[in-house]
Amino acid sequence: MTEPILIRPLQPFTVSMDYFATGEGVTVAVLVLNAHNNEEAKNAFLDANGYYGSSREYFGRGVDIHEGVNRELLGRWLAPRFIDALERRMQVRARFMLNWHFNAS
């Protein structure tokens, strides 16, 4: 008899990357989604940002994964009321993505 495969239930994750190559251009990317585990959340983030092939491995090293809605991180860019609404909607499988690029030069 084979062991049953246990699948973790969906839960919220906040996946982020704060990247700069030369110090002048900065890209901040955040994805809040429901996933079964860290690996699934990270892969969804890389897919959503179009990182495939060698860029997937390169950018994948700088990805941070947080279980739940990371209020501290999101609070850098979003109002508390918006984060409250996002947390409520995560219970019914919402998805939020922020991608921001700026150049300080």
N, C-alpha and C. Protein backbone atom coordinates (compact mmCIF):
# COMPACT_ATOMS: atom_id res chain seq x y z
N MET A 1 0.84 -1.18 0.00
CA MET A 1 0.00 0.00 0.00
C MET A 1 0.88 1.24 0.00
N THR A 2 0.55 2.20 -0.83
CA THR A 2 1.34 3.43 -0.92
C THR A 2 0.83 4.46 0.08
N GLU A 3 1.77 5.30 0.51
CA GLU A 3 1.43 6.39 1.43
C GLU A 3 0.65 7.47 0.68
N PRO A 4 -0.36 8.04 1.30
CA PRO A 4 -1.09 9.13 0.63
C PRO A 4 -0.21 10.37 0.52
N ILE A 5 -0.37 11.11 -0.56
CA ILE A 5 0.35 12.35 -0.75
C ILE A 5 -0.42 13.46 -0.04
N LEU A 6 0.23 14.10 0.88
CA LEU A 6 -0.42 15.18 1.63
C LEU A 6 -0.12 16.51 0.97
N ILE A 7 -1.15 17.23 0.66
CA ILE A 7 -1.00 18.56 0.06
C ILE A 7 -1.42 19.58 1.09
N ARG A 8 -0.52 20.50 1.37
CA ARG A 8 -0.85 21.56 2.32
C ARG A 8 -1.96 22.41 1.75
N PRO A 9 -2.84 22.89 2.61
CA PRO A 9 -3.90 23.78 2.11
C PRO A 9 -3.31 25.09 1.62
N LEU A 10 -4.06 25.78 0.79
CA LEU A 10 -3.62 27.09 0.31
C LEU A 10 -3.51 28.05 1.48
N GLN A 11 -2.48 28.86 1.46
CA GLN A 11 -2.30 29.89 2.47
C GLN A 11 -1.65 31.10 1.82
N PRO A 12 -1.81 32.28 2.42
CA PRO A 12 -1.20 33.48 1.83
C PRO A 12 0.32 33.49 1.98
N PHE A 13 0.98 34.01 0.95
CA PHE A 13 2.42 34.25 0.96
C PHE A 13 2.67 35.64 0.39
N THR A 14 3.70 36.29 0.90
CA THR A 14 4.18 37.54 0.33
C THR A 14 5.58 37.24 -0.20
N VAL A 15 5.75 37.42 -1.51
CA VAL A 15 7.02 37.13 -2.16
C VAL A 15 7.55 38.45 -2.72
N SER A 16 8.82 38.74 -2.48
CA SER A 16 9.34 40.05 -2.90
C SER A 16 10.78 39.95 -3.38
N MET A 17 11.16 40.98 -4.11
CA MET A 17 12.53 41.12 -4.59
C MET A 17 12.84 42.62 -4.67
N ASP A 18 13.96 43.02 -4.13
CA ASP A 18 14.44 44.40 -4.20
C ASP A 18 15.79 44.32 -4.90
N TYR A 19 15.85 44.74 -6.15
CA TYR A 19 17.03 44.50 -6.98
C TYR A 19 17.61 45.80 -7.52
N PHE A 20 18.93 45.91 -7.49
CA PHE A 20 19.61 47.01 -8.17
C PHE A 20 20.93 46.47 -8.71
N ALA A 21 21.28 46.89 -9.92
CA ALA A 21 22.51 46.38 -10.54
C ALA A 21 23.66 47.36 -10.33
N THR A 22 23.45 48.63 -10.61
CA THR A 22 24.53 49.60 -10.53
C THR A 22 24.36 50.55 -9.35
N GLY A 23 23.26 50.43 -8.66
CA GLY A 23 22.99 51.35 -7.55
C GLY A 23 22.12 52.51 -7.95
N GLU A 24 21.95 52.76 -9.23
CA GLU A 24 21.10 53.87 -9.68
C GLU A 24 19.69 53.39 -10.02
N GLY A 25 19.59 52.32 -10.77
CA GLY A 25 18.28 51.78 -11.11
C GLY A 25 17.86 50.74 -10.08
N VAL A 26 16.63 50.82 -9.63
CA VAL A 26 16.12 49.89 -8.62
C VAL A 26 14.79 49.32 -9.10
N THR A 27 14.63 48.03 -8.92
CA THR A 27 13.36 47.37 -9.21
C THR A 27 12.86 46.71 -7.94
N VAL A 28 11.63 47.03 -7.58
CA VAL A 28 10.96 46.41 -6.43
C VAL A 28 9.78 45.64 -6.99
N ALA A 29 9.70 44.37 -6.67
CA ALA A 29 8.59 43.54 -7.12
C ALA A 29 8.01 42.79 -5.92
N VAL A 30 6.69 42.79 -5.82
CA VAL A 30 6.00 42.11 -4.72
C VAL A 30 4.82 41.35 -5.30
N LEU A 31 4.61 40.14 -4.81
CA LEU A 31 3.43 39.36 -5.17
C LEU A 31 2.85 38.78 -3.90
N VAL A 32 1.58 39.03 -3.66
CA VAL A 32 0.86 38.42 -2.54
C VAL A 32 -0.14 37.46 -3.18
N LEU A 33 -0.06 36.20 -2.81
CA LEU A 33 -0.90 35.19 -3.43
C LEU A 33 -1.14 34.04 -2.47
N ASN A 34 -2.05 33.17 -2.83
CA ASN A 34 -2.26 31.94 -2.09
C ASN A 34 -1.52 30.82 -2.79
N ALA A 35 -0.79 30.02 -2.02
CA ALA A 35 -0.03 28.89 -2.57
C ALA A 35 -0.01 27.78 -1.53
N HIS A 36 0.44 26.61 -1.96
CA HIS A 36 0.52 25.48 -1.04
C HIS A 36 1.81 25.48 -0.22
N ASN A 37 2.88 26.07 -0.78
CA ASN A 37 4.17 26.05 -0.09
C ASN A 37 5.09 27.15 -0.65
N ASN A 38 6.26 27.29 -0.04
CA ASN A 38 7.22 28.33 -0.44
C ASN A 38 7.65 28.18 -1.90
N GLU A 39 7.92 26.97 -2.32
CA GLU A 39 8.40 26.75 -3.69
C GLU A 39 7.35 27.15 -4.72
N GLU A 40 6.11 26.79 -4.47
CA GLU A 40 5.03 27.18 -5.38
C GLU A 40 4.88 28.69 -5.42
N ALA A 41 4.99 29.35 -4.27
CA ALA A 41 4.88 30.81 -4.21
C ALA A 41 6.03 31.46 -4.98
N LYS A 42 7.24 30.96 -4.80
CA LYS A 42 8.41 31.52 -5.50
C LYS A 42 8.27 31.34 -7.00
N ASN A 43 7.87 30.16 -7.45
CA ASN A 43 7.70 29.91 -8.88
C ASN A 43 6.63 30.81 -9.48
N ALA A 44 5.55 31.04 -8.75
CA ALA A 44 4.49 31.94 -9.24
C ALA A 44 5.03 33.36 -9.38
N PHE A 45 5.86 33.80 -8.43
CA PHE A 45 6.48 35.12 -8.49
C PHE A 45 7.37 35.24 -9.72
N LEU A 46 8.24 34.26 -9.94
CA LEU A 46 9.15 34.29 -11.09
C LEU A 46 8.37 34.27 -12.40
N ASP A 47 7.32 33.46 -12.47
CA ASP A 47 6.48 33.42 -13.67
C ASP A 47 5.82 34.77 -13.90
N ALA A 48 5.24 35.35 -12.85
CA ALA A 48 4.51 36.61 -12.97
C ALA A 48 5.40 37.75 -13.44
N ASN A 49 6.69 37.67 -13.11
CA ASN A 49 7.63 38.72 -13.51
C ASN A 49 8.38 38.39 -14.79
N GLY A 50 8.05 37.27 -15.42
CA GLY A 50 8.63 36.93 -16.71
C GLY A 50 10.07 36.44 -16.64
N TYR A 51 10.46 35.86 -15.51
CA TYR A 51 11.81 35.34 -15.39
C TYR A 51 11.84 33.87 -15.78
N TYR A 52 12.45 33.59 -16.93
CA TYR A 52 12.58 32.23 -17.44
C TYR A 52 14.02 31.99 -17.83
N GLY A 53 14.38 30.75 -17.99
CA GLY A 53 15.74 30.40 -18.41
C GLY A 53 16.77 30.85 -17.37
N SER A 54 17.89 31.40 -17.84
CA SER A 54 18.96 31.79 -16.94
C SER A 54 18.57 32.95 -16.03
N SER A 55 17.64 33.80 -16.49
CA SER A 55 17.22 34.92 -15.63
C SER A 55 16.44 34.41 -14.42
N ARG A 56 15.78 33.27 -14.55
CA ARG A 56 15.02 32.68 -13.44
C ARG A 56 15.96 32.30 -12.29
N GLU A 57 17.09 31.68 -12.65
CA GLU A 57 18.06 31.30 -11.63
C GLU A 57 18.72 32.55 -11.02
N TYR A 58 19.09 33.50 -11.87
CA TYR A 58 19.76 34.72 -11.40
C TYR A 58 18.88 35.51 -10.44
N PHE A 59 17.67 35.85 -10.86
CA PHE A 59 16.79 36.64 -10.01
C PHE A 59 16.19 35.82 -8.88
N GLY A 60 16.07 34.52 -9.08
CA GLY A 60 15.52 33.66 -8.04
C GLY A 60 16.32 33.66 -6.76
N ARG A 61 17.62 33.95 -6.87
CA ARG A 61 18.47 33.99 -5.66
C ARG A 61 18.11 35.14 -4.74
N GLY A 62 17.54 36.22 -5.29
CA GLY A 62 17.23 37.40 -4.48
C GLY A 62 15.78 37.49 -4.03
N VAL A 63 15.03 36.41 -4.20
CA VAL A 63 13.61 36.41 -3.84
C VAL A 63 13.45 36.09 -2.36
N ASP A 64 12.65 36.90 -1.66
CA ASP A 64 12.32 36.64 -0.26
C ASP A 64 10.88 36.15 -0.19
N ILE A 65 10.67 35.12 0.62
CA ILE A 65 9.34 34.53 0.76
C ILE A 65 8.93 34.61 2.22
N HIS A 66 7.72 35.15 2.44
CA HIS A 66 7.19 35.32 3.78
C HIS A 66 5.81 34.66 3.83
N GLU A 67 5.60 33.77 4.79
CA GLU A 67 4.27 33.19 4.95
C GLU A 67 3.33 34.24 5.50
N GLY A 68 2.16 34.36 4.90
CA GLY A 68 1.18 35.35 5.33
C GLY A 68 1.33 36.65 4.57
N VAL A 69 0.48 37.59 4.92
CA VAL A 69 0.54 38.94 4.34
C VAL A 69 1.55 39.73 5.17
N ASN A 70 2.65 40.12 4.57
CA ASN A 70 3.72 40.82 5.28
C ASN A 70 3.38 42.30 5.36
N ARG A 71 2.70 42.67 6.44
CA ARG A 71 2.24 44.05 6.62
C ARG A 71 3.40 45.04 6.68
N GLU A 72 4.49 44.65 7.29
CA GLU A 72 5.65 45.56 7.41
C GLU A 72 6.20 45.90 6.03
N LEU A 73 6.41 44.90 5.21
CA LEU A 73 6.93 45.12 3.86
C LEU A 73 5.95 45.93 3.02
N LEU A 74 4.70 45.51 2.98
CA LEU A 74 3.69 46.20 2.18
C LEU A 74 3.46 47.62 2.66
N GLY A 75 3.63 47.86 3.95
CA GLY A 75 3.43 49.18 4.52
C GLY A 75 4.42 50.22 4.02
N ARG A 76 5.49 49.78 3.36
CA ARG A 76 6.44 50.73 2.76
C ARG A 76 5.81 51.45 1.58
N TRP A 77 4.80 50.82 0.93
CA TRP A 77 4.21 51.40 -0.28
C TRP A 77 2.70 51.54 -0.23
N LEU A 78 2.03 50.83 0.67
CA LEU A 78 0.56 50.79 0.66
C LEU A 78 -0.02 51.30 1.97
N ALA A 79 -1.19 51.90 1.90
CA ALA A 79 -1.88 52.40 3.08
C ALA A 79 -2.41 51.23 3.92
N PRO A 80 -2.45 51.39 5.24
CA PRO A 80 -2.94 50.32 6.12
C PRO A 80 -4.34 49.82 5.74
N ARG A 81 -5.22 50.73 5.32
CA ARG A 81 -6.57 50.30 4.92
C ARG A 81 -6.55 49.37 3.73
N PHE A 82 -5.65 49.64 2.80
CA PHE A 82 -5.53 48.77 1.63
C PHE A 82 -5.02 47.39 2.05
N ILE A 83 -4.04 47.35 2.94
CA ILE A 83 -3.50 46.08 3.42
C ILE A 83 -4.57 45.29 4.17
N ASP A 84 -5.39 45.98 4.97
CA ASP A 84 -6.51 45.32 5.67
C ASP A 84 -7.44 44.65 4.66
N ALA A 85 -7.79 45.38 3.60
CA ALA A 85 -8.68 44.85 2.57
C ALA A 85 -8.03 43.66 1.86
N LEU A 86 -6.74 43.75 1.60
CA LEU A 86 -6.03 42.65 0.96
C LEU A 86 -6.06 41.40 1.83
N GLU A 87 -5.80 41.56 3.12
CA GLU A 87 -5.83 40.42 4.04
C GLU A 87 -7.20 39.74 4.03
N ARG A 88 -8.27 40.53 4.02
CA ARG A 88 -9.61 39.94 3.99
C ARG A 88 -9.84 39.17 2.70
N ARG A 89 -9.36 39.71 1.60
CA ARG A 89 -9.59 39.06 0.30
C ARG A 89 -8.72 37.83 0.09
N MET A 90 -7.62 37.72 0.82
CA MET A 90 -6.78 36.53 0.69
C MET A 90 -7.53 35.29 1.15
N GLN A 91 -8.55 35.46 1.96
CA GLN A 91 -9.34 34.32 2.43
C GLN A 91 -10.15 33.70 1.30
N VAL A 92 -10.35 34.46 0.22
CA VAL A 92 -11.11 33.94 -0.92
C VAL A 92 -10.26 33.89 -2.20
N ARG A 93 -8.95 33.78 -2.02
CA ARG A 93 -8.01 33.57 -3.12
C ARG A 93 -7.79 34.81 -4.00
N ALA A 94 -7.38 35.86 -3.40
CA ALA A 94 -7.01 37.08 -4.13
C ALA A 94 -5.54 36.98 -4.56
N ARG A 95 -5.14 37.92 -5.38
CA ARG A 95 -3.74 38.01 -5.82
C ARG A 95 -3.43 39.49 -6.04
N PHE A 96 -2.30 39.95 -5.50
CA PHE A 96 -1.90 41.34 -5.66
C PHE A 96 -0.45 41.38 -6.11
N MET A 97 -0.18 42.22 -7.12
CA MET A 97 1.18 42.35 -7.63
C MET A 97 1.56 43.81 -7.73
N LEU A 98 2.77 44.11 -7.29
CA LEU A 98 3.34 45.45 -7.39
C LEU A 98 4.70 45.30 -8.04
N ASN A 99 4.94 46.06 -9.08
CA ASN A 99 6.24 46.06 -9.74
C ASN A 99 6.59 47.52 -10.00
N TRP A 100 7.67 47.97 -9.39
CA TRP A 100 8.02 49.38 -9.44
C TRP A 100 9.50 49.50 -9.79
N HIS A 101 9.80 50.26 -10.84
CA HIS A 101 11.18 50.49 -11.23
C HIS A 101 11.43 52.00 -11.24
N PHE A 102 12.54 52.40 -10.68
CA PHE A 102 12.92 53.81 -10.75
C PHE A 102 14.43 53.92 -10.91
N ASN A 103 14.85 55.05 -11.42
CA ASN A 103 16.27 55.31 -11.63
C ASN A 103 16.62 56.61 -10.94
N ALA A 104 17.58 56.53 -10.03
CA ALA A 104 17.94 57.71 -9.23
C ALA A 104 18.82 58.70 -9.98
N SER A 105 19.33 58.36 -11.15
CA SER A 105 20.22 59.29 -11.86
C SER A 105 19.44 60.33 -12.65
